[in-house]
Amino acid sequence: MAALDLFGRRWSLRILWELRAGPLGFRPLQKRCDDMSSSVMRQRLTELLDAQVIHQLPDSRYELTPLGQEARHALNPLARWAEHWAATIDPQGADHTDDQSASRVSHPYTVGDGAPEGGSAD
């Protein structure tokens, strides 16, 4: 349940996704995360650091730890399922396999910003 709580927080999985190819500094990571607010970014980074899923390098960039890499690999089946789900919901839509388009799919389970209906804006 702790892992679901951590990864269920808004932006946590996106941060993992953006760090998949290697270390990034705060600003480049923030840019890749659609310019999320600095305060939310700091909060999520702190939570992921505390969970030992990411760590901060001496040059201040962030990268996945071996535990973070394991989490990323463990989530691959969910990512494949999400692609299938998006294609099922919108079979005429654009290719949902790129970095950001799957998060933009509008379906009955999310509201306009992609947050679950009735969920927190966390």
C-alpha atoms as a PDB file:
ATOM      1  CA  MET A   1       0.000   0.000   0.000  1.00  0.00           C
ATOM      2  CA  ALA A   2       2.906   2.375   0.687  1.00  0.00           C
ATOM      3  CA  ALA A   3       4.146   1.979  -2.902  1.00  0.00           C
ATOM      4  CA  LEU A   4       0.667   2.648  -4.285  1.00  0.00           C
ATOM      5  CA  ASP A   5       0.425   5.723  -2.086  1.00  0.00           C
ATOM      6  CA  LEU A   6       3.820   7.007  -3.252  1.00  0.00           C
ATOM      7  CA  PHE A   7       3.285   6.347  -6.943  1.00  0.00           C
ATOM      8  CA  GLY A   8      -0.342   7.447  -6.820  1.00  0.00           C
ATOM      9  CA  ARG A   9       0.649  10.988  -5.923  1.00  0.00           C
ATOM     10  CA  ARG A  10       0.321  13.379  -8.794  1.00  0.00           C
ATOM     11  CA  TRP A  11       3.559  13.756 -10.798  1.00  0.00           C
ATOM     12  CA  SER A  12       5.470  10.965  -8.995  1.00  0.00           C
ATOM     13  CA  LEU A  13       5.295   8.544 -11.911  1.00  0.00           C
ATOM     14  CA  ARG A  14       5.990  11.329 -14.380  1.00  0.00           C
ATOM     15  CA  ILE A  15       9.208  12.161 -12.547  1.00  0.00           C
ATOM     16  CA  LEU A  16      10.254   8.497 -12.714  1.00  0.00           C
ATOM     17  CA  TRP A  17       9.400   8.438 -16.421  1.00  0.00           C
ATOM     18  CA  GLU A  18      11.441  11.550 -17.164  1.00  0.00           C
ATOM     19  CA  LEU A  19      14.470  10.201 -15.268  1.00  0.00           C
ATOM     20  CA  ARG A  20      14.433   6.909 -17.181  1.00  0.00           C
ATOM     21  CA  ALA A  21      17.099   8.035 -19.666  1.00  0.00           C
ATOM     22  CA  GLY A  22      19.456   9.536 -17.123  1.00  0.00           C
ATOM     23  CA  PRO A  23      20.049  12.311 -14.607  1.00  0.00           C
ATOM     24  CA  LEU A  24      18.346  15.684 -14.871  1.00  0.00           C
ATOM     25  CA  GLY A  25      18.621  18.905 -12.926  1.00  0.00           C
ATOM     26  CA  PHE A  26      15.661  20.566 -11.250  1.00  0.00           C
ATOM     27  CA  ARG A  27      14.791  23.013 -14.054  1.00  0.00           C
ATOM     28  CA  PRO A  28      15.155  20.563 -16.975  1.00  0.00           C
ATOM     29  CA  LEU A  29      13.085  18.018 -15.040  1.00  0.00           C
ATOM     30  CA  GLN A  30      10.463  20.651 -14.267  1.00  0.00           C
ATOM     31  CA  LYS A  31      10.341  21.611 -17.967  1.00  0.00           C
ATOM     32  CA  ARG A  32       9.837  17.975 -18.988  1.00  0.00           C
ATOM     33  CA  CYS A  33       7.027  17.706 -16.463  1.00  0.00           C
ATOM     34  CA  ASP A  34       4.991  20.397 -18.225  1.00  0.00           C
ATOM     35  CA  ASP A  35       6.369  23.138 -15.962  1.00  0.00           C
ATOM     36  CA  MET A  36       4.771  21.809 -12.791  1.00  0.00           C
ATOM     37  CA  SER A  37       4.979  24.229  -9.903  1.00  0.00           C
ATOM     38  CA  SER A  38       8.317  24.444  -8.097  1.00  0.00           C
ATOM     39  CA  SER A  39       6.708  23.711  -4.741  1.00  0.00           C
ATOM     40  CA  VAL A  40       5.039  20.518  -5.963  1.00  0.00           C
ATOM     41  CA  MET A  41       8.250  19.466  -7.713  1.00  0.00           C
ATOM     42  CA  ARG A  42      10.268  19.952  -4.514  1.00  0.00           C
ATOM     43  CA  GLN A  43       7.678  18.022  -2.516  1.00  0.00           C
ATOM     44  CA  ARG A  44       7.631  15.082  -4.946  1.00  0.00           C
ATOM     45  CA  LEU A  45      11.413  14.997  -5.226  1.00  0.00           C
ATOM     46  CA  THR A  46      11.697  14.961  -1.429  1.00  0.00           C
ATOM     47  CA  GLU A  47       9.203  12.101  -1.193  1.00  0.00           C
ATOM     48  CA  LEU A  48      11.007  10.095  -3.883  1.00  0.00           C
ATOM     49  CA  LEU A  49      14.379  10.825  -2.249  1.00  0.00           C
ATOM     50  CA  ASP A  50      13.040   9.687   1.152  1.00  0.00           C
ATOM     51  CA  ALA A  51      11.688   6.518  -0.476  1.00  0.00           C
ATOM     52  CA  GLN A  52      15.169   5.917  -1.986  1.00  0.00           C
ATOM     53  CA  VAL A  53      13.679   5.689  -5.464  1.00  0.00           C
ATOM     54  CA  ILE A  54      15.824   8.588  -6.683  1.00  0.00           C
ATOM     55  CA  HIS A  55      18.965  10.225  -5.357  1.00  0.00           C
ATOM     56  CA  GLN A  56      20.686  13.538  -5.887  1.00  0.00           C
ATOM     57  CA  LEU A  57      24.119  13.616  -7.444  1.00  0.00           C
ATOM     58  CA  PRO A  58      26.878  15.938  -6.194  1.00  0.00           C
ATOM     59  CA  ASP A  59      26.156  18.255  -9.160  1.00  0.00           C
ATOM     60  CA  SER A  60      22.516  18.543  -7.900  1.00  0.00           C
ATOM     61  CA  ARG A  61      20.976  16.490 -10.718  1.00  0.00           C
ATOM     62  CA  TYR A  62      18.517  13.720  -9.862  1.00  0.00           C
ATOM     63  CA  GLU A  63      18.639  10.136 -11.078  1.00  0.00           C
ATOM     64  CA  LEU A  64      16.903   6.843 -10.444  1.00  0.00           C
ATOM     65  CA  THR A  65      18.459   4.558  -7.868  1.00  0.00           C
ATOM     66  CA  PRO A  66      18.658   0.807  -8.537  1.00  0.00           C
ATOM     67  CA  LEU A  67      15.383   0.597  -6.579  1.00  0.00           C
ATOM     68  CA  GLY A  68      13.908   3.272  -8.852  1.00  0.00           C
ATOM     69  CA  GLN A  69      15.022   1.359 -11.942  1.00  0.00           C
ATOM     70  CA  GLU A  70      13.322  -1.759 -10.534  1.00  0.00           C
ATOM     71  CA  ALA A  71      10.120   0.226  -9.997  1.00  0.00           C
ATOM     72  CA  ARG A  72      10.273   1.537 -13.549  1.00  0.00           C
ATOM     73  CA  HIS A  73      10.682  -1.983 -14.913  1.00  0.00           C
ATOM     74  CA  ALA A  74       7.883  -3.271 -12.676  1.00  0.00           C
ATOM     75  CA  LEU A  75       5.568  -0.605 -14.108  1.00  0.00           C
ATOM     76  CA  ASN A  76       6.242  -1.575 -17.749  1.00  0.00           C
ATOM     77  CA  PRO A  77       3.307  -4.042 -17.868  1.00  0.00           C
ATOM     78  CA  LEU A  78       1.006  -1.297 -16.584  1.00  0.00           C
ATOM     79  CA  ALA A  79       2.304   1.058 -19.295  1.00  0.00           C
ATOM     80  CA  ARG A  80       1.583  -1.577 -21.965  1.00  0.00           C
ATOM     81  CA  TRP A  81      -1.908  -2.095 -20.554  1.00  0.00           C
ATOM     82  CA  ALA A  82      -2.494   1.681 -20.552  1.00  0.00           C
ATOM     83  CA  GLU A  83      -1.547   1.869 -24.240  1.00  0.00           C
ATOM     84  CA  HIS A  84      -4.019  -0.917 -25.006  1.00  0.00           C
ATOM     85  CA  TRP A  85      -6.685   0.799 -22.893  1.00  0.00           C
ATOM     86  CA  ALA A  86      -6.151   4.144 -24.650  1.00  0.00           C
ATOM     87  CA  ALA A  87      -6.403   2.457 -28.064  1.00  0.00           C
ATOM     88  CA  THR A  88      -9.597   0.703 -26.976  1.00  0.00           C
ATOM     89  CA  ILE A  89     -11.183   3.918 -25.723  1.00  0.00           C
ATOM     90  CA  ASP A  90     -10.107   5.970 -28.742  1.00  0.00           C
ATOM     91  CA  PRO A  91      -9.331   3.576 -31.627  1.00  0.00           C
ATOM     92  CA  GLN A  92      -9.346   6.447 -34.170  1.00  0.00           C
ATOM     93  CA  GLY A  93      -7.059   8.652 -32.058  1.00  0.00           C
ATOM     94  CA  ALA A  94      -3.420   9.422 -32.517  1.00  0.00           C
ATOM     95  CA  ASP A  95      -0.672   6.978 -31.593  1.00  0.00           C
ATOM     96  CA  HIS A  96      -0.653   6.984 -27.784  1.00  0.00           C
ATOM     97  CA  THR A  97       2.822   5.514 -27.407  1.00  0.00           C
ATOM     98  CA  ASP A  98       4.778   8.771 -27.342  1.00  0.00           C
ATOM     99  CA  ASP A  99       5.988  10.347 -24.100  1.00  0.00           C
ATOM    100  CA  GLN A 100       2.998  12.565 -23.336  1.00  0.00           C
ATOM    101  CA  SER A 101      -0.029  11.782 -25.496  1.00  0.00           C
ATOM    102  CA  ALA A 102      -1.327   8.915 -23.355  1.00  0.00           C
ATOM    103  CA  SER A 103      -1.689  11.308 -20.436  1.00  0.00           C
ATOM    104  CA  ARG A 104      -3.880  13.534 -22.608  1.00  0.00           C
ATOM    105  CA  VAL A 105      -6.435  10.864 -23.535  1.00  0.00           C
ATOM    106  CA  SER A 106      -9.850  11.983 -22.399  1.00  0.00           C
ATOM    107  CA  HIS A 107     -11.954   9.185 -21.037  1.00  0.00           C
ATOM    108  CA  PRO A 108     -14.804   8.754 -18.582  1.00  0.00           C
ATOM    109  CA  TYR A 109     -12.475   8.045 -15.648  1.00  0.00           C
ATOM    110  CA  THR A 110     -10.615  11.357 -15.671  1.00  0.00           C
ATOM    111  CA  VAL A 111     -11.440  15.016 -15.673  1.00  0.00           C
ATOM    112  CA  GLY A 112      -9.865  17.528 -18.055  1.00  0.00           C
ATOM    113  CA  ASP A 113      -6.471  17.667 -16.309  1.00  0.00           C
ATOM    114  CA  GLY A 114      -6.123  13.878 -16.193  1.00  0.00           C
ATOM    115  CA  ALA A 115      -6.840  13.670 -12.463  1.00  0.00           C
ATOM    116  CA  PRO A 116      -9.334  11.015 -11.377  1.00  0.00           C
ATOM    117  CA  GLU A 117     -12.784  12.430 -10.976  1.00  0.00           C
ATOM    118  CA  GLY A 118     -13.357  13.399  -7.371  1.00  0.00           C
ATOM    119  CA  GLY A 119      -9.663  12.826  -6.655  1.00  0.00           C
ATOM    120  CA  SER A 120      -7.357  15.244  -4.964  1.00  0.00           C
ATOM    121  CA  ALA A 121      -5.367  17.805  -6.870  1.00  0.00           C
ATOM    122  CA  ASP A 122      -2.407  16.587  -4.791  1.00  0.00           C
END
